[in-house]
PDB file of N, CA and C in Angstrom:
ATOM      1  N   MET A   1     127.671 116.612  77.908  1.00  0.00           N
ATOM      2  CA  MET A   1     126.320 116.092  77.991  1.00  0.00           C
ATOM      3  C   MET A   1     125.390 117.165  78.568  1.00  0.00           C
ATOM      4  N   LYS A   2     124.191 117.184  78.049  1.00  0.00           N
ATOM      5  CA  LYS A   2     123.187 118.134  78.515  1.00  0.00           C
ATOM      6  C   LYS A   2     121.978 117.351  78.998  1.00  0.00           C
ATOM      7  N   GLU A   3     121.403 117.759  80.119  1.00  0.00           N
ATOM      8  CA  GLU A   3     120.220 117.092  80.649  1.00  0.00           C
ATOM      9  C   GLU A   3     118.974 117.742  80.065  1.00  0.00           C
ATOM     10  N   VAL A   4     118.066 116.914  79.535  1.00  0.00           N
ATOM     11  CA  VAL A   4     116.810 117.410  78.984  1.00  0.00           C
ATOM     12  C   VAL A   4     115.662 116.759  79.738  1.00  0.00           C
ATOM     13  N   THR A   5     114.511 117.418  79.711  1.00  0.00           N
ATOM     14  CA  THR A   5     113.333 116.918  80.402  1.00  0.00           C
ATOM     15  C   THR A   5     112.209 116.733  79.399  1.00  0.00           C
ATOM     16  N   CYS A   6     111.568 115.577  79.429  1.00  0.00           N
ATOM     17  CA  CYS A   6     110.418 115.306  78.562  1.00  0.00           C
ATOM     18  C   CYS A   6     109.288 116.244  78.979  1.00  0.00           C
ATOM     19  N   TYR A   7     108.728 116.982  78.036  1.00  0.00           N
ATOM     20  CA  TYR A   7     107.684 117.943  78.397  1.00  0.00           C
ATOM     21  C   TYR A   7     106.341 117.281  78.643  1.00  0.00           C
ATOM     22  N   ILE A   8     106.241 115.978  78.420  1.00  0.00           N
ATOM     23  CA  ILE A   8     104.990 115.265  78.666  1.00  0.00           C
ATOM     24  C   ILE A   8     104.988 114.638  80.053  1.00  0.00           C
ATOM     25  N   CYS A   9     106.019 113.854  80.374  1.00  0.00           N
ATOM     26  CA  CYS A   9     106.022 113.129  81.646  1.00  0.00           C
ATOM     27  C   CYS A   9     106.999 113.694  82.672  1.00  0.00           C
ATOM     28  N   GLY A  10     107.949 114.531  82.247  1.00  0.00           N
ATOM     29  CA  GLY A  10     108.891 115.125  83.174  1.00  0.00           C
ATOM     30  C   GLY A  10     110.139 114.301  83.436  1.00  0.00           C
ATOM     31  N   ASN A  11     110.286 113.136  82.782  1.00  0.00           N
ATOM     32  CA  ASN A  11     111.485 112.313  82.961  1.00  0.00           C
ATOM     33  C   ASN A  11     112.705 113.041  82.419  1.00  0.00           C
ATOM     34  N   LYS A  12     113.828 112.884  83.120  1.00  0.00           N
ATOM     35  CA  LYS A  12     115.069 113.536  82.701  1.00  0.00           C
ATOM     36  C   LYS A  12     115.969 112.538  81.996  1.00  0.00           C
ATOM     37  N   ARG A  13     116.762 113.039  81.046  1.00  0.00           N
ATOM     38  CA  ARG A  13     117.655 112.197  80.258  1.00  0.00           C
ATOM     39  C   ARG A  13     118.830 113.050  79.787  1.00  0.00           C
ATOM     40  N   GLU A  14     119.991 112.420  79.610  1.00  0.00           N
ATOM     41  CA  GLU A  14     121.154 113.148  79.117  1.00  0.00           C
ATOM     42  C   GLU A  14     121.291 112.947  77.616  1.00  0.00           C
ATOM     43  N   THR A  15     121.751 113.988  76.931  1.00  0.00           N
ATOM     44  CA  THR A  15     121.910 113.918  75.487  1.00  0.00           C
ATOM     45  C   THR A  15     123.133 114.727  75.052  1.00  0.00           C
ATOM     46  N   ASN A  16     123.623 114.423  73.869  1.00  0.00           N
ATOM     47  CA  ASN A  16     124.740 115.173  73.293  1.00  0.00           C
ATOM     48  C   ASN A  16     124.257 116.324  72.423  1.00  0.00           C
ATOM     49  N   ARG A  17     122.967 116.317  72.043  1.00  0.00           N
ATOM     50  CA  ARG A  17     122.423 117.368  71.176  1.00  0.00           C
ATOM     51  C   ARG A  17     122.434 118.708  71.879  1.00  0.00           C
ATOM     52  N   LYS A  18     122.655 119.751  71.102  1.00  0.00           N
ATOM     53  CA  LYS A  18     122.710 121.090  71.680  1.00  0.00           C
ATOM     54  C   LYS A  18     121.523 121.965  71.264  1.00  0.00           C
ATOM     55  N   THR A  19     120.799 121.560  70.211  1.00  0.00           N
ATOM     56  CA  THR A  19     119.683 122.378  69.727  1.00  0.00           C
ATOM     57  C   THR A  19     118.410 121.548  69.636  1.00  0.00           C
ATOM     58  N   GLY A  20     117.282 122.230  69.604  1.00  0.00           N
ATOM     59  CA  GLY A  20     115.994 121.572  69.413  1.00  0.00           C
ATOM     60  C   GLY A  20     115.508 120.784  70.605  1.00  0.00           C
ATOM     61  N   LEU A  21     115.934 121.153  71.801  1.00  0.00           N
ATOM     62  CA  LEU A  21     115.583 120.376  72.980  1.00  0.00           C
ATOM     63  C   LEU A  21     114.432 120.984  73.779  1.00  0.00           C
ATOM     64  N   GLU A  22     113.877 122.105  73.335  1.00  0.00           N
ATOM     65  CA  GLU A  22     112.787 122.747  74.061  1.00  0.00           C
ATOM     66  C   GLU A  22     111.529 121.870  74.052  1.00  0.00           C
ATOM     67  N   CYS A  23     111.353 121.065  73.015  1.00  0.00           N
ATOM     68  CA  CYS A  23     110.157 120.232  72.889  1.00  0.00           C
ATOM     69  C   CYS A  23     110.520 118.750  72.928  1.00  0.00           C
ATOM     70  N   TYR A  24     111.451 118.377  73.767  1.00  0.00           N
ATOM     71  CA  TYR A  24     111.909 117.000  73.834  1.00  0.00           C
ATOM     72  C   TYR A  24     110.802 116.072  74.324  1.00  0.00           C
ATOM     73  N   ILE A  25     110.609 114.942  73.627  1.00  0.00           N
ATOM     74  CA  ILE A  25     109.667 113.900  74.033  1.00  0.00           C
ATOM     75  C   ILE A  25     110.455 112.604  74.170  1.00  0.00           C
ATOM     76  N   CYS A  26     110.363 111.958  75.329  1.00  0.00           N
ATOM     77  CA  CYS A  26     111.105 110.717  75.552  1.00  0.00           C
ATOM     78  C   CYS A  26     110.488 109.582  74.724  1.00  0.00           C
ATOM     79  N   PRO A  27     111.241 108.519  74.495  1.00  0.00           N
ATOM     80  CA  PRO A  27     110.737 107.403  73.679  1.00  0.00           C
ATOM     81  C   PRO A  27     109.472 106.765  74.249  1.00  0.00           C
ATOM     82  N   ASP A  28     109.301 106.771  75.577  1.00  0.00           N
ATOM     83  CA  ASP A  28     108.108 106.171  76.188  1.00  0.00           C
ATOM     84  C   ASP A  28     106.833 106.941  75.844  1.00  0.00           C
ATOM     85  N   CYS A  29     106.935 108.247  75.675  1.00  0.00           N
ATOM     86  CA  CYS A  29     105.763 109.094  75.425  1.00  0.00           C
ATOM     87  C   CYS A  29     105.491 109.323  73.943  1.00  0.00           C
ATOM     88  N   LYS A  30     106.479 109.080  73.104  1.00  0.00           N
ATOM     89  CA  LYS A  30     106.386 109.444  71.693  1.00  0.00           C
ATOM     90  C   LYS A  30     105.146 108.888  70.998  1.00  0.00           C
ATOM     91  N   GLY A  31     104.806 107.626  71.219  1.00  0.00           N
ATOM     92  CA  GLY A  31     103.677 107.024  70.522  1.00  0.00           C
ATOM     93  C   GLY A  31     102.394 106.975  71.334  1.00  0.00           C
ATOM     94  N   ASN A  32     102.392 107.569  72.508  1.00  0.00           N
ATOM     95  CA  ASN A  32     101.241 107.485  73.403  1.00  0.00           C
ATOM     96  C   ASN A  32     100.422 108.771  73.335  1.00  0.00           C
ATOM     97  N   LYS A  33      99.367 108.756  72.517  1.00  0.00           N
ATOM     98  CA  LYS A  33      98.531 109.950  72.285  1.00  0.00           C
ATOM     99  C   LYS A  33      97.848 110.421  73.573  1.00  0.00           C
ATOM    100  N   GLU A  34      97.382 109.476  74.398  1.00  0.00           N
ATOM    101  CA  GLU A  34      96.692 109.854  75.629  1.00  0.00           C
ATOM    102  C   GLU A  34      97.636 110.592  76.583  1.00  0.00           C
ATOM    103  N   LYS A  35      98.872 110.116  76.690  1.00  0.00           N
ATOM    104  CA  LYS A  35      99.854 110.789  77.530  1.00  0.00           C
ATOM    105  C   LYS A  35     100.142 112.191  77.015  1.00  0.00           C
ATOM    106  N   GLN A  36     100.182 112.348  75.682  1.00  0.00           N
ATOM    107  CA  GLN A  36     100.457 113.655  75.089  1.00  0.00           C
ATOM    108  C   GLN A  36      99.312 114.627  75.365  1.00  0.00           C
ATOM    109  N   MET A  37      98.080 114.139  75.349  1.00  0.00           N
ATOM    110  CA  MET A  37      96.921 115.012  75.578  1.00  0.00           C
ATOM    111  C   MET A  37      96.772 115.380  77.055  1.00  0.00           C
ATOM    112  N   ASN A  38      97.336 114.581  77.961  1.00  0.00           N
ATOM    113  CA  ASN A  38      97.206 114.813  79.396  1.00  0.00           C
ATOM    114  C   ASN A  38      98.563 115.086  80.041  1.00  0.00           C
ATOM    115  N   ARG A  39      99.444 115.777  79.313  1.00  0.00           N
ATOM    116  CA  ARG A  39     100.784 116.039  79.809  1.00  0.00           C
ATOM    117  C   ARG A  39     100.758 117.022  80.978  1.00  0.00           C
ATOM    118  N   ILE A  40     101.893 117.103  81.656  1.00  0.00           N
ATOM    119  CA  ILE A  40     102.003 117.995  82.813  1.00  0.00           C
ATOM    120  C   ILE A  40     101.857 119.451  82.348  1.00  0.00           C
ATOM    121  N   PHE A  41     101.427 120.311  83.261  1.00  0.00           N
ATOM    122  CA  PHE A  41     101.228 121.718  82.929  1.00  0.00           C
ATOM    123  C   PHE A  41     102.561 122.453  82.880  1.00  0.00           C
ATOM    124  N   THR A  42     102.699 123.350  81.919  1.00  0.00           N
ATOM    125  CA  THR A  42     103.841 124.261  81.909  1.00  0.00           C
ATOM    126  C   THR A  42     103.499 125.416  82.848  1.00  0.00           C
ATOM    127  N   LYS A  43     104.430 126.337  83.036  1.00  0.00           N
ATOM    128  CA  LYS A  43     104.157 127.459  83.943  1.00  0.00           C
ATOM    129  C   LYS A  43     103.064 128.371  83.410  1.00  0.00           C
ATOM    130  N   ASP A  44     102.810 128.355  82.099  1.00  0.00           N
ATOM    131  CA  ASP A  44     101.805 129.248  81.520  1.00  0.00           C
ATOM    132  C   ASP A  44     100.452 128.580  81.252  1.00  0.00           C
ATOM    133  N   THR A  45     100.383 127.268  81.322  1.00  0.00           N
ATOM    134  CA  THR A  45      99.164 126.559  80.931  1.00  0.00           C
ATOM    135  C   THR A  45      97.954 126.989  81.755  1.00  0.00           C
ATOM    136  N   VAL A  46      98.075 126.929  83.071  1.00  0.00           N
ATOM    137  CA  VAL A  46      96.936 127.256  83.942  1.00  0.00           C
ATOM    138  C   VAL A  46      96.518 128.711  83.723  1.00  0.00           C
ATOM    139  N   PHE A  47      97.479 129.603  83.601  1.00  0.00           N
ATOM    140  CA  PHE A  47      97.177 131.018  83.369  1.00  0.00           C
ATOM    141  C   PHE A  47      96.387 131.199  82.076  1.00  0.00           C
ATOM    142  N   LEU A  48      96.876 130.604  80.981  1.00  0.00           N
ATOM    143  CA  LEU A  48      96.208 130.767  79.684  1.00  0.00           C
ATOM    144  C   LEU A  48      94.812 130.157  79.682  1.00  0.00           C
ATOM    145  N   VAL A  49      94.676 128.977  80.265  1.00  0.00           N
ATOM    146  CA  VAL A  49      93.361 128.326  80.307  1.00  0.00           C
ATOM    147  C   VAL A  49      92.369 129.204  81.066  1.00  0.00           C
ATOM    148  N   CYS A  50      92.761 129.700  82.225  1.00  0.00           N
ATOM    149  CA  CYS A  50      91.860 130.544  83.021  1.00  0.00           C
ATOM    150  C   CYS A  50      91.545 131.861  82.308  1.00  0.00           C
ATOM    151  N   LYS A  51      92.542 132.441  81.674  1.00  0.00           N
ATOM    152  CA  LYS A  51      92.352 133.697  80.946  1.00  0.00           C
ATOM    153  C   LYS A  51      91.357 133.509  79.807  1.00  0.00           C
ATOM    154  N   TRP A  52      91.599 132.505  78.976  1.00  0.00           N
ATOM    155  CA  TRP A  52      90.732 132.278  77.821  1.00  0.00           C
ATOM    156  C   TRP A  52      89.328 131.873  78.243  1.00  0.00           C
ATOM    157  N   TYR A  53      89.217 131.089  79.293  1.00  0.00           N
ATOM    158  CA  TYR A  53      87.901 130.680  79.788  1.00  0.00           C
ATOM    159  C   TYR A  53      87.141 131.912  80.293  1.00  0.00           C
ATOM    160  N   GLY A  54      87.844 132.798  80.972  1.00  0.00           N
ATOM    161  CA  GLY A  54      87.243 134.037  81.467  1.00  0.00           C
ATOM    162  C   GLY A  54      86.812 134.973  80.350  1.00  0.00           C
ATOM    163  N   GLU A  55      87.478 134.881  79.207  1.00  0.00           N
ATOM    164  CA  GLU A  55      87.114 135.699  78.049  1.00  0.00           C
ATOM    165  C   GLU A  55      85.995 135.075  77.230  1.00  0.00           C
ATOM    166  N   GLY A  56      85.498 133.911  77.666  1.00  0.00           N
ATOM    167  CA  GLY A  56      84.353 133.297  77.009  1.00  0.00           C
ATOM    168  C   GLY A  56      84.668 132.140  76.065  1.00  0.00           C
ATOM    169  N   MET A  57      85.913 131.731  75.993  1.00  0.00           N
ATOM    170  CA  MET A  57      86.268 130.618  75.108  1.00  0.00           C
ATOM    171  C   MET A  57      85.791 129.311  75.740  1.00  0.00           C
ATOM    172  N   SER A  58      85.272 128.409  74.924  1.00  0.00           N
ATOM    173  CA  SER A  58      84.762 127.141  75.435  1.00  0.00           C
ATOM    174  C   SER A  58      85.910 126.204  75.807  1.00  0.00           C
ATOM    175  N   VAL A  59      85.615 125.246  76.685  1.00  0.00           N
ATOM    176  CA  VAL A  59      86.608 124.265  77.107  1.00  0.00           C
ATOM    177  C   VAL A  59      87.097 123.461  75.908  1.00  0.00           C
ATOM    178  N   LYS A  60      86.182 123.106  75.009  1.00  0.00           N
ATOM    179  CA  LYS A  60      86.555 122.338  73.820  1.00  0.00           C
ATOM    180  C   LYS A  60      87.526 123.123  72.941  1.00  0.00           C
ATOM    181  N   ARG A  61      87.280 124.401  72.762  1.00  0.00           N
ATOM    182  CA  ARG A  61      88.154 125.238  71.933  1.00  0.00           C
ATOM    183  C   ARG A  61      89.541 125.396  72.576  1.00  0.00           C
ATOM    184  N   ILE A  62      89.566 125.597  73.884  1.00  0.00           N
ATOM    185  CA  ILE A  62      90.847 125.710  74.594  1.00  0.00           C
ATOM    186  C   ILE A  62      91.642 124.413  74.438  1.00  0.00           C
ATOM    187  N   ALA A  63      90.967 123.284  74.583  1.00  0.00           N
ATOM    188  CA  ALA A  63      91.622 121.978  74.431  1.00  0.00           C
ATOM    189  C   ALA A  63      92.198 121.825  73.024  1.00  0.00           C
ATOM    190  N   ASP A  64      91.463 122.268  72.023  1.00  0.00           N
ATOM    191  CA  ASP A  64      91.951 122.183  70.639  1.00  0.00           C
ATOM    192  C   ASP A  64      93.176 123.076  70.421  1.00  0.00           C
ATOM    193  N   VAL A  65      93.128 124.282  70.950  1.00  0.00           N
ATOM    194  CA  VAL A  65      94.232 125.233  70.773  1.00  0.00           C
ATOM    195  C   VAL A  65      95.514 124.710  71.439  1.00  0.00           C
ATOM    196  N   LEU A  66      95.381 124.178  72.644  1.00  0.00           N
ATOM    197  CA  LEU A  66      96.545 123.714  73.397  1.00  0.00           C
ATOM    198  C   LEU A  66      96.903 122.257  73.126  1.00  0.00           C
ATOM    199  N   LYS A  67      96.111 121.582  72.286  1.00  0.00           N
ATOM    200  CA  LYS A  67      96.327 120.159  71.985  1.00  0.00           C
ATOM    201  C   LYS A  67      96.348 119.336  73.270  1.00  0.00           C
ATOM    202  N   ARG A  68      95.316 119.549  74.083  1.00  0.00           N
ATOM    203  CA  ARG A  68      95.124 118.828  75.344  1.00  0.00           C
ATOM    204  C   ARG A  68      93.717 118.258  75.368  1.00  0.00           C
ATOM    205  N   SER A  69      93.479 117.329  76.287  1.00  0.00           N
ATOM    206  CA  SER A  69      92.145 116.766  76.423  1.00  0.00           C
ATOM    207  C   SER A  69      91.256 117.757  77.186  1.00  0.00           C
ATOM    208  N   GLU A  70      89.950 117.605  77.029  1.00  0.00           N
ATOM    209  CA  GLU A  70      89.021 118.481  77.753  1.00  0.00           C
ATOM    210  C   GLU A  70      89.135 118.257  79.257  1.00  0.00           C
ATOM    211  N   GLU A  71      89.392 117.013  79.676  1.00  0.00           N
ATOM    212  CA  GLU A  71      89.575 116.718  81.093  1.00  0.00           C
ATOM    213  C   GLU A  71      90.797 117.455  81.646  1.00  0.00           C
ATOM    214  N   ASN A  72      91.844 117.548  80.840  1.00  0.00           N
ATOM    215  CA  ASN A  72      93.060 118.245  81.240  1.00  0.00           C
ATOM    216  C   ASN A  72      92.785 119.741  81.403  1.00  0.00           C
ATOM    217  N   VAL A  73      91.965 120.294  80.527  1.00  0.00           N
ATOM    218  CA  VAL A  73      91.592 121.710  80.625  1.00  0.00           C
ATOM    219  C   VAL A  73      90.755 121.948  81.879  1.00  0.00           C
ATOM    220  N   HIS A  74      89.822 121.039  82.181  1.00  0.00           N
ATOM    221  CA  HIS A  74      89.024 121.156  83.410  1.00  0.00           C
ATOM    222  C   HIS A  74      89.925 121.116  84.646  1.00  0.00           C
ATOM    223  N   LEU A  75      90.941 120.252  84.619  1.00  0.00           N
ATOM    224  CA  LEU A  75      91.882 120.163  85.731  1.00  0.00           C
ATOM    225  C   LEU A  75      92.654 121.477  85.893  1.00  0.00           C
ATOM    226  N   ALA A  76      93.048 122.101  84.785  1.00  0.00           N
ATOM    227  CA  ALA A  76      93.743 123.386  84.851  1.00  0.00           C
ATOM    228  C   ALA A  76      92.821 124.474  85.423  1.00  0.00           C
ATOM    229  N   LEU A  77      91.544 124.445  85.066  1.00  0.00           N
ATOM    230  CA  LEU A  77      90.589 125.415  85.604  1.00  0.00           C
ATOM    231  C   LEU A  77      90.412 125.223  87.107  1.00  0.00           C
ATOM    232  N   LYS A  78      90.387 123.971  87.551  1.00  0.00           N
ATOM    233  CA  LYS A  78      90.289 123.702  88.996  1.00  0.00           C
ATOM    234  C   LYS A  78      91.545 124.162  89.708  1.00  0.00           C
ATOM    235  N   LYS A  79      92.700 123.889  89.119  1.00  0.00           N
ATOM    236  CA  LYS A  79      93.974 124.297  89.723  1.00  0.00           C
ATOM    237  C   LYS A  79      94.064 125.826  89.798  1.00  0.00           C
ATOM    238  N   GLY A  80      93.492 126.520  88.817  1.00  0.00           N
ATOM    239  CA  GLY A  80      93.490 127.971  88.814  1.00  0.00           C
ATOM    240  C   GLY A  80      92.398 128.592  89.680  1.00  0.00           C
ATOM    241  N   GLY A  81      91.518 127.765  90.240  1.00  0.00           N
ATOM    242  CA  GLY A  81      90.475 128.255  91.124  1.00  0.00           C
ATOM    243  C   GLY A  81      89.269 128.840  90.421  1.00  0.00           C
ATOM    244  N   VAL A  82      89.098 128.552  89.122  1.00  0.00           N
ATOM    245  CA  VAL A  82      87.985 129.102  88.366  1.00  0.00           C
ATOM    246  C   VAL A  82      86.710 128.280  88.584  1.00  0.00           C
ATOM    247  N   ILE A  83      86.865 126.965  88.619  1.00  0.00           N
ATOM    248  CA  ILE A  83      85.688 126.099  88.864  1.00  0.00           C
ATOM    249  C   ILE A  83      85.941 125.182  90.046  1.00  0.00           C
TER     250      ILE A  83
END
């Protein structure tokens, strides 16, 4: 058994699958679009949001690229100390 973590909510679950687990989504999050748009940050999310914002990219464009809500992008900018 291998333990996988939902990349949206962070819940852990055991599975027998050995491949394709990098983008695992648990059954609770699968149909919830709002949860998907406001998922937890990966280690690179805050860095990329701050970098792109500093290069002049709009919040709306960053949200579209990362498939996140604009509120989630604003939260990443606050966490990164930009705004």
